[in-house]
Amino acid sequence: MAGSFGQAPTAGSQAPGASKRWAWPLVLVACGSLIPFLGLVFAAVALSWALLTDRPRRKVAIGLAAAGGVLNIGGPVALTLWSRTSGRMVAVRAAAAHRDLALIVNALEQYRTKRGRYPRDLAGLVAEEFPIVRLNVYDLVPSGLRVPRRYEYRLAPDGGSYDLFSVGRDGVPYTADDIRPVLPDSILARSGYRPAPPP
């Protein structure tokens, strides 16, 4: 009798109780690894699942998950490096630095008017309340993947004047690419901003 006990199932048939294992759920999860930012979660799930299962197309899923993981990690790094070296982005960051430095000079003068002295550092300036304009004291101009640093602010020994600038693309103070505030003569004459010579 066909299909009786002890007889092997015919080609294309399944043993009773066996479930067919579809490839598409695993491949679908692996495709999710290509989604920006969330892709790392999908990549981890897909890789783990593919390594622990015997579903068809698991090698395809491993390849997709690995590619998605690399893109999700490498993409932001490459974008950051590009934005640091792109001529247009360099010009945008330089313009932002000029604006930031002018605002900081204004805030320093307000601080002196209120306290009778200049702050020791820019952290002390940020602690003050500036409700109208949010004050950025971090220098975003230096190229490469660097830890953000504050603009260079150097208070004179007598506390009566200061130097303030961005270190420029090379990240080194007192070089040719430093960016300094551009101030009208009327503000420059009554402010404590005095560019200092290199030490």
C-alpha atoms as a PDB file:
ATOM      1  CA  MET A   1       0.000   0.000   0.000  1.00  0.00           C
ATOM      2  CA  ALA A   2       1.446   3.310  -1.069  1.00  0.00           C
ATOM      3  CA  GLY A   3       2.468   5.464   1.827  1.00  0.00           C
ATOM      4  CA  SER A   4       2.155   2.629   4.332  1.00  0.00           C
ATOM      5  CA  PHE A   5       4.277   2.396   7.452  1.00  0.00           C
ATOM      6  CA  GLY A   6       7.955   1.646   6.724  1.00  0.00           C
ATOM      7  CA  GLN A   7       7.771   2.842   3.131  1.00  0.00           C
ATOM      8  CA  ALA A   8       9.871   5.893   2.142  1.00  0.00           C
ATOM      9  CA  PRO A   9       7.906   8.907   0.997  1.00  0.00           C
ATOM     10  CA  THR A  10       7.926   9.538  -2.710  1.00  0.00           C
ATOM     11  CA  ALA A  11       9.944  12.385  -4.210  1.00  0.00           C
ATOM     12  CA  GLY A  12       8.382  15.773  -3.554  1.00  0.00           C
ATOM     13  CA  SER A  13       6.245  14.535  -0.658  1.00  0.00           C
ATOM     14  CA  GLN A  14       6.783  15.414   2.999  1.00  0.00           C
ATOM     15  CA  ALA A  15       6.740  13.218   6.034  1.00  0.00           C
ATOM     16  CA  PRO A  16       3.599  13.645   8.171  1.00  0.00           C
ATOM     17  CA  GLY A  17       3.963  16.498  10.702  1.00  0.00           C
ATOM     18  CA  ALA A  18       6.963  18.051   8.938  1.00  0.00           C
ATOM     19  CA  SER A  19       6.673  21.756   8.202  1.00  0.00           C
ATOM     20  CA  LYS A  20       7.964  23.391   5.089  1.00  0.00           C
ATOM     21  CA  ARG A  21      10.695  25.910   5.819  1.00  0.00           C
ATOM     22  CA  TRP A  22      10.327  29.033   3.747  1.00  0.00           C
ATOM     23  CA  ALA A  23      13.346  31.144   2.816  1.00  0.00           C
ATOM     24  CA  TRP A  24      11.546  34.497   2.479  1.00  0.00           C
ATOM     25  CA  PRO A  25      11.176  35.407   6.207  1.00  0.00           C
ATOM     26  CA  LEU A  26      14.924  35.115   6.764  1.00  0.00           C
ATOM     27  CA  VAL A  27      15.756  37.007   3.568  1.00  0.00           C
ATOM     28  CA  LEU A  28      13.198  39.694   4.463  1.00  0.00           C
ATOM     29  CA  VAL A  29      14.817  40.258   7.869  1.00  0.00           C
ATOM     30  CA  ALA A  30      18.231  40.368   6.175  1.00  0.00           C
ATOM     31  CA  CYS A  31      16.933  43.003   3.740  1.00  0.00           C
ATOM     32  CA  GLY A  32      15.924  45.068   6.771  1.00  0.00           C
ATOM     33  CA  SER A  33      19.635  45.435   7.540  1.00  0.00           C
ATOM     34  CA  LEU A  34      19.840  47.905   4.642  1.00  0.00           C
ATOM     35  CA  ILE A  35      17.586  50.396   6.465  1.00  0.00           C
ATOM     36  CA  PRO A  36      19.679  53.341   7.709  1.00  0.00           C
ATOM     37  CA  PHE A  37      20.297  53.346  11.496  1.00  0.00           C
ATOM     38  CA  LEU A  38      17.848  50.514  12.292  1.00  0.00           C
ATOM     39  CA  GLY A  39      19.735  48.209   9.969  1.00  0.00           C
ATOM     40  CA  LEU A  40      22.224  47.154  12.641  1.00  0.00           C
ATOM     41  CA  VAL A  41      19.429  45.544  14.659  1.00  0.00           C
ATOM     42  CA  PHE A  42      18.108  43.694  11.599  1.00  0.00           C
ATOM     43  CA  ALA A  43      21.651  42.652  10.651  1.00  0.00           C
ATOM     44  CA  ALA A  44      22.303  41.167  14.080  1.00  0.00           C
ATOM     45  CA  VAL A  45      19.000  39.270  14.075  1.00  0.00           C
ATOM     46  CA  ALA A  46      19.441  38.022  10.498  1.00  0.00           C
ATOM     47  CA  LEU A  47      23.032  36.879  11.054  1.00  0.00           C
ATOM     48  CA  SER A  48      22.131  35.041  14.255  1.00  0.00           C
ATOM     49  CA  TRP A  49      19.105  33.426  12.664  1.00  0.00           C
ATOM     50  CA  ALA A  50      20.986  32.436   9.496  1.00  0.00           C
ATOM     51  CA  LEU A  51      23.819  30.852  11.469  1.00  0.00           C
ATOM     52  CA  LEU A  52      21.432  28.828  13.628  1.00  0.00           C
ATOM     53  CA  THR A  53      19.026  27.610  10.945  1.00  0.00           C
ATOM     54  CA  ASP A  54      19.095  25.312   7.967  1.00  0.00           C
ATOM     55  CA  ARG A  55      16.576  27.316   5.940  1.00  0.00           C
ATOM     56  CA  PRO A  56      17.213  27.652   2.214  1.00  0.00           C
ATOM     57  CA  ARG A  57      19.045  30.761   1.008  1.00  0.00           C
ATOM     58  CA  ARG A  58      20.694  31.301   4.373  1.00  0.00           C
ATOM     59  CA  LYS A  59      23.971  32.217   2.637  1.00  0.00           C
ATOM     60  CA  VAL A  60      22.127  34.956   0.754  1.00  0.00           C
ATOM     61  CA  ALA A  61      20.728  36.215   4.071  1.00  0.00           C
ATOM     62  CA  ILE A  62      24.206  36.203   5.651  1.00  0.00           C
ATOM     63  CA  GLY A  63      25.560  38.216   2.716  1.00  0.00           C
ATOM     64  CA  LEU A  64      22.718  40.759   2.870  1.00  0.00           C
ATOM     65  CA  ALA A  65      22.985  41.132   6.645  1.00  0.00           C
ATOM     66  CA  ALA A  66      26.763  41.586   6.501  1.00  0.00           C
ATOM     67  CA  ALA A  67      26.470  44.169   3.720  1.00  0.00           C
ATOM     68  CA  GLY A  68      23.766  46.056   5.620  1.00  0.00           C
ATOM     69  CA  GLY A  69      25.846  46.072   8.794  1.00  0.00           C
ATOM     70  CA  VAL A  70      28.904  47.407   6.961  1.00  0.00           C
ATOM     71  CA  LEU A  71      26.825  50.123   5.275  1.00  0.00           C
ATOM     72  CA  ASN A  72      25.231  51.170   8.560  1.00  0.00           C
ATOM     73  CA  ILE A  73      28.614  51.493  10.260  1.00  0.00           C
ATOM     74  CA  GLY A  74      30.729  52.698   7.342  1.00  0.00           C
ATOM     75  CA  GLY A  75      28.148  55.032   5.806  1.00  0.00           C
ATOM     76  CA  PRO A  76      28.021  57.592   8.635  1.00  0.00           C
ATOM     77  CA  VAL A  77      31.822  57.478   9.011  1.00  0.00           C
ATOM     78  CA  ALA A  78      32.305  58.103   5.279  1.00  0.00           C
ATOM     79  CA  LEU A  79      29.695  60.882   5.311  1.00  0.00           C
ATOM     80  CA  THR A  80      31.423  62.553   8.260  1.00  0.00           C
ATOM     81  CA  LEU A  81      34.825  62.371   6.578  1.00  0.00           C
ATOM     82  CA  TRP A  82      33.367  63.724   3.337  1.00  0.00           C
ATOM     83  CA  SER A  83      31.679  66.618   5.128  1.00  0.00           C
ATOM     84  CA  ARG A  84      34.974  67.452   6.828  1.00  0.00           C
ATOM     85  CA  THR A  85      36.881  67.645   3.536  1.00  0.00           C
ATOM     86  CA  SER A  86      34.256  68.886   1.076  1.00  0.00           C
ATOM     87  CA  GLY A  87      35.055  72.433  -0.087  1.00  0.00           C
ATOM     88  CA  ARG A  88      31.453  73.555   0.260  1.00  0.00           C
ATOM     89  CA  MET A  89      31.133  72.152   3.782  1.00  0.00           C
ATOM     90  CA  VAL A  90      34.437  73.779   4.793  1.00  0.00           C
ATOM     91  CA  ALA A  91      33.075  77.145   3.613  1.00  0.00           C
ATOM     92  CA  VAL A  92      29.803  76.579   5.505  1.00  0.00           C
ATOM     93  CA  ARG A  93      31.660  75.716   8.716  1.00  0.00           C
ATOM     94  CA  ALA A  94      33.960  78.737   8.332  1.00  0.00           C
ATOM     95  CA  ALA A  95      30.953  81.046   7.910  1.00  0.00           C
ATOM     96  CA  ALA A  96      29.352  79.468  10.992  1.00  0.00           C
ATOM     97  CA  ALA A  97      32.588  80.016  12.945  1.00  0.00           C
ATOM     98  CA  HIS A  98      32.640  83.731  12.006  1.00  0.00           C
ATOM     99  CA  ARG A  99      29.042  84.036  13.207  1.00  0.00           C
ATOM    100  CA  ASP A 100      29.711  82.087  16.418  1.00  0.00           C
ATOM    101  CA  LEU A 101      32.803  84.146  17.261  1.00  0.00           C
ATOM    102  CA  ALA A 102      30.980  87.444  16.758  1.00  0.00           C
ATOM    103  CA  LEU A 103      28.172  86.246  19.048  1.00  0.00           C
ATOM    104  CA  ILE A 104      30.703  85.087  21.654  1.00  0.00           C
ATOM    105  CA  VAL A 105      32.409  88.505  21.627  1.00  0.00           C
ATOM    106  CA  ASN A 106      29.021  90.120  22.214  1.00  0.00           C
ATOM    107  CA  ALA A 107      28.265  87.663  25.044  1.00  0.00           C
ATOM    108  CA  LEU A 108      31.683  88.279  26.627  1.00  0.00           C
ATOM    109  CA  GLU A 109      31.027  92.013  26.647  1.00  0.00           C
ATOM    110  CA  GLN A 110      27.612  91.467  28.238  1.00  0.00           C
ATOM    111  CA  TYR A 111      29.267  89.263  30.850  1.00  0.00           C
ATOM    112  CA  ARG A 112      31.830  91.971  31.656  1.00  0.00           C
ATOM    113  CA  THR A 113      29.108  94.623  31.890  1.00  0.00           C
ATOM    114  CA  LYS A 114      27.156  92.456  34.335  1.00  0.00           C
ATOM    115  CA  ARG A 115      30.052  91.013  36.389  1.00  0.00           C
ATOM    116  CA  GLY A 116      32.775  93.629  35.965  1.00  0.00           C
ATOM    117  CA  ARG A 117      35.217  91.071  34.531  1.00  0.00           C
ATOM    118  CA  TYR A 118      35.568  88.531  31.759  1.00  0.00           C
ATOM    119  CA  PRO A 119      34.980  84.824  32.479  1.00  0.00           C
ATOM    120  CA  ARG A 120      38.010  82.566  32.998  1.00  0.00           C
ATOM    121  CA  ASP A 121      36.863  80.244  30.212  1.00  0.00           C
ATOM    122  CA  LEU A 122      34.009  79.715  27.766  1.00  0.00           C
ATOM    123  CA  ALA A 123      32.389  77.160  30.067  1.00  0.00           C
ATOM    124  CA  GLY A 124      31.790  79.998  32.538  1.00  0.00           C
ATOM    125  CA  LEU A 125      30.244  82.050  29.752  1.00  0.00           C
ATOM    126  CA  VAL A 126      27.849  79.285  28.718  1.00  0.00           C
ATOM    127  CA  ALA A 127      26.667  78.981  32.312  1.00  0.00           C
ATOM    128  CA  GLU A 128      25.125  82.452  31.917  1.00  0.00           C
ATOM    129  CA  GLU A 129      21.631  82.719  30.471  1.00  0.00           C
ATOM    130  CA  PHE A 130      21.297  83.912  26.904  1.00  0.00           C
ATOM    131  CA  PRO A 131      17.571  83.496  26.210  1.00  0.00           C
ATOM    132  CA  ILE A 132      17.497  85.142  22.770  1.00  0.00           C
ATOM    133  CA  VAL A 133      20.344  83.312  21.007  1.00  0.00           C
ATOM    134  CA  ARG A 134      21.737  79.904  21.843  1.00  0.00           C
ATOM    135  CA  LEU A 135      25.482  80.351  22.124  1.00  0.00           C
ATOM    136  CA  ASN A 136      27.681  77.767  20.425  1.00  0.00           C
ATOM    137  CA  VAL A 137      31.198  77.669  21.861  1.00  0.00           C
ATOM    138  CA  TYR A 138      32.340  74.483  20.074  1.00  0.00           C
ATOM    139  CA  ASP A 139      34.717  74.735  17.144  1.00  0.00           C
ATOM    140  CA  LEU A 140      33.411  72.514  14.328  1.00  0.00           C
ATOM    141  CA  VAL A 141      35.921  73.681  11.719  1.00  0.00           C
ATOM    142  CA  PRO A 142      38.852  71.255  12.285  1.00  0.00           C
ATOM    143  CA  SER A 143      38.868  68.456   9.710  1.00  0.00           C
ATOM    144  CA  GLY A 144      38.855  64.722  10.401  1.00  0.00           C
ATOM    145  CA  LEU A 145      37.191  62.747  13.151  1.00  0.00           C
ATOM    146  CA  ARG A 146      38.157  64.784  16.195  1.00  0.00           C
ATOM    147  CA  VAL A 147      36.625  65.216  19.602  1.00  0.00           C
ATOM    148  CA  PRO A 148      34.735  68.545  19.589  1.00  0.00           C
ATOM    149  CA  ARG A 149      36.675  71.295  21.329  1.00  0.00           C
ATOM    150  CA  ARG A 150      35.760  74.793  22.363  1.00  0.00           C
ATOM    151  CA  TYR A 151      36.910  77.831  20.453  1.00  0.00           C
ATOM    152  CA  GLU A 152      40.271  79.116  21.663  1.00  0.00           C
ATOM    153  CA  TYR A 153      39.678  81.733  24.335  1.00  0.00           C
ATOM    154  CA  ARG A 154      42.741  83.150  26.079  1.00  0.00           C
ATOM    155  CA  LEU A 155      42.275  85.697  28.810  1.00  0.00           C
ATOM    156  CA  ALA A 156      45.130  88.166  29.277  1.00  0.00           C
ATOM    157  CA  PRO A 157      47.031  87.924  32.615  1.00  0.00           C
ATOM    158  CA  ASP A 158      45.527  91.247  33.761  1.00  0.00           C
ATOM    159  CA  GLY A 159      42.003  90.035  32.836  1.00  0.00           C
ATOM    160  CA  GLY A 160      41.322  93.177  30.812  1.00  0.00           C
ATOM    161  CA  SER A 161      41.399  91.663  27.326  1.00  0.00           C
ATOM    162  CA  TYR A 162      41.216  88.318  25.557  1.00  0.00           C
ATOM    163  CA  ASP A 163      42.018  86.494  22.342  1.00  0.00           C
ATOM    164  CA  LEU A 164      39.339  84.407  20.647  1.00  0.00           C
ATOM    165  CA  PHE A 165      39.544  82.279  17.476  1.00  0.00           C
ATOM    166  CA  SER A 166      38.899  78.990  15.710  1.00  0.00           C
ATOM    167  CA  VAL A 167      41.936  76.771  15.159  1.00  0.00           C
ATOM    168  CA  GLY A 168      40.911  76.192  11.525  1.00  0.00           C
ATOM    169  CA  ARG A 169      41.007  72.990   9.498  1.00  0.00           C
ATOM    170  CA  ASP A 170      44.408  71.840  10.755  1.00  0.00           C
ATOM    171  CA  GLY A 171      43.304  71.922  14.396  1.00  0.00           C
ATOM    172  CA  VAL A 172      46.483  73.754  15.438  1.00  0.00           C
ATOM    173  CA  PRO A 173      46.270  77.205  17.069  1.00  0.00           C
ATOM    174  CA  TYR A 174      48.233  80.179  15.730  1.00  0.00           C
ATOM    175  CA  THR A 175      48.605  78.938  12.155  1.00  0.00           C
ATOM    176  CA  ALA A 176      47.615  80.543   8.867  1.00  0.00           C
ATOM    177  CA  ASP A 177      44.171  78.933   8.726  1.00  0.00           C
ATOM    178  CA  ASP A 178      42.939  80.248  12.089  1.00  0.00           C
ATOM    179  CA  ILE A 179      39.555  81.973  11.888  1.00  0.00           C
ATOM    180  CA  ARG A 180      39.013  85.132  13.901  1.00  0.00           C
ATOM    181  CA  PRO A 181      35.888  87.176  14.599  1.00  0.00           C
ATOM    182  CA  VAL A 182      35.045  89.859  12.043  1.00  0.00           C
ATOM    183  CA  LEU A 183      33.847  92.866  14.027  1.00  0.00           C
ATOM    184  CA  PRO A 184      32.840  96.387  13.008  1.00  0.00           C
ATOM    185  CA  ASP A 185      35.334  99.049  14.163  1.00  0.00           C
ATOM    186  CA  SER A 186      32.749 100.483  16.556  1.00  0.00           C
ATOM    187  CA  ILE A 187      32.455  97.167  18.421  1.00  0.00           C
ATOM    188  CA  LEU A 188      36.164  96.373  18.157  1.00  0.00           C
ATOM    189  CA  ALA A 189      37.115  99.695  19.768  1.00  0.00           C
ATOM    190  CA  ARG A 190      34.999  99.127  22.873  1.00  0.00           C
ATOM    191  CA  SER A 191      35.462  95.363  23.246  1.00  0.00           C
ATOM    192  CA  GLY A 192      38.242  93.550  25.050  1.00  0.00           C
ATOM    193  CA  TYR A 193      39.044  91.431  22.002  1.00  0.00           C
ATOM    194  CA  ARG A 194      42.740  91.751  21.196  1.00  0.00           C
ATOM    195  CA  PRO A 195      44.342  89.227  18.841  1.00  0.00           C
ATOM    196  CA  ALA A 196      47.473  87.954  20.557  1.00  0.00           C
ATOM    197  CA  PRO A 197      50.705  87.043  18.782  1.00  0.00           C
ATOM    198  CA  PRO A 198      51.637  83.345  18.686  1.00  0.00           C
ATOM    199  CA  PRO A 199      53.202  82.192  21.966  1.00  0.00           C
END
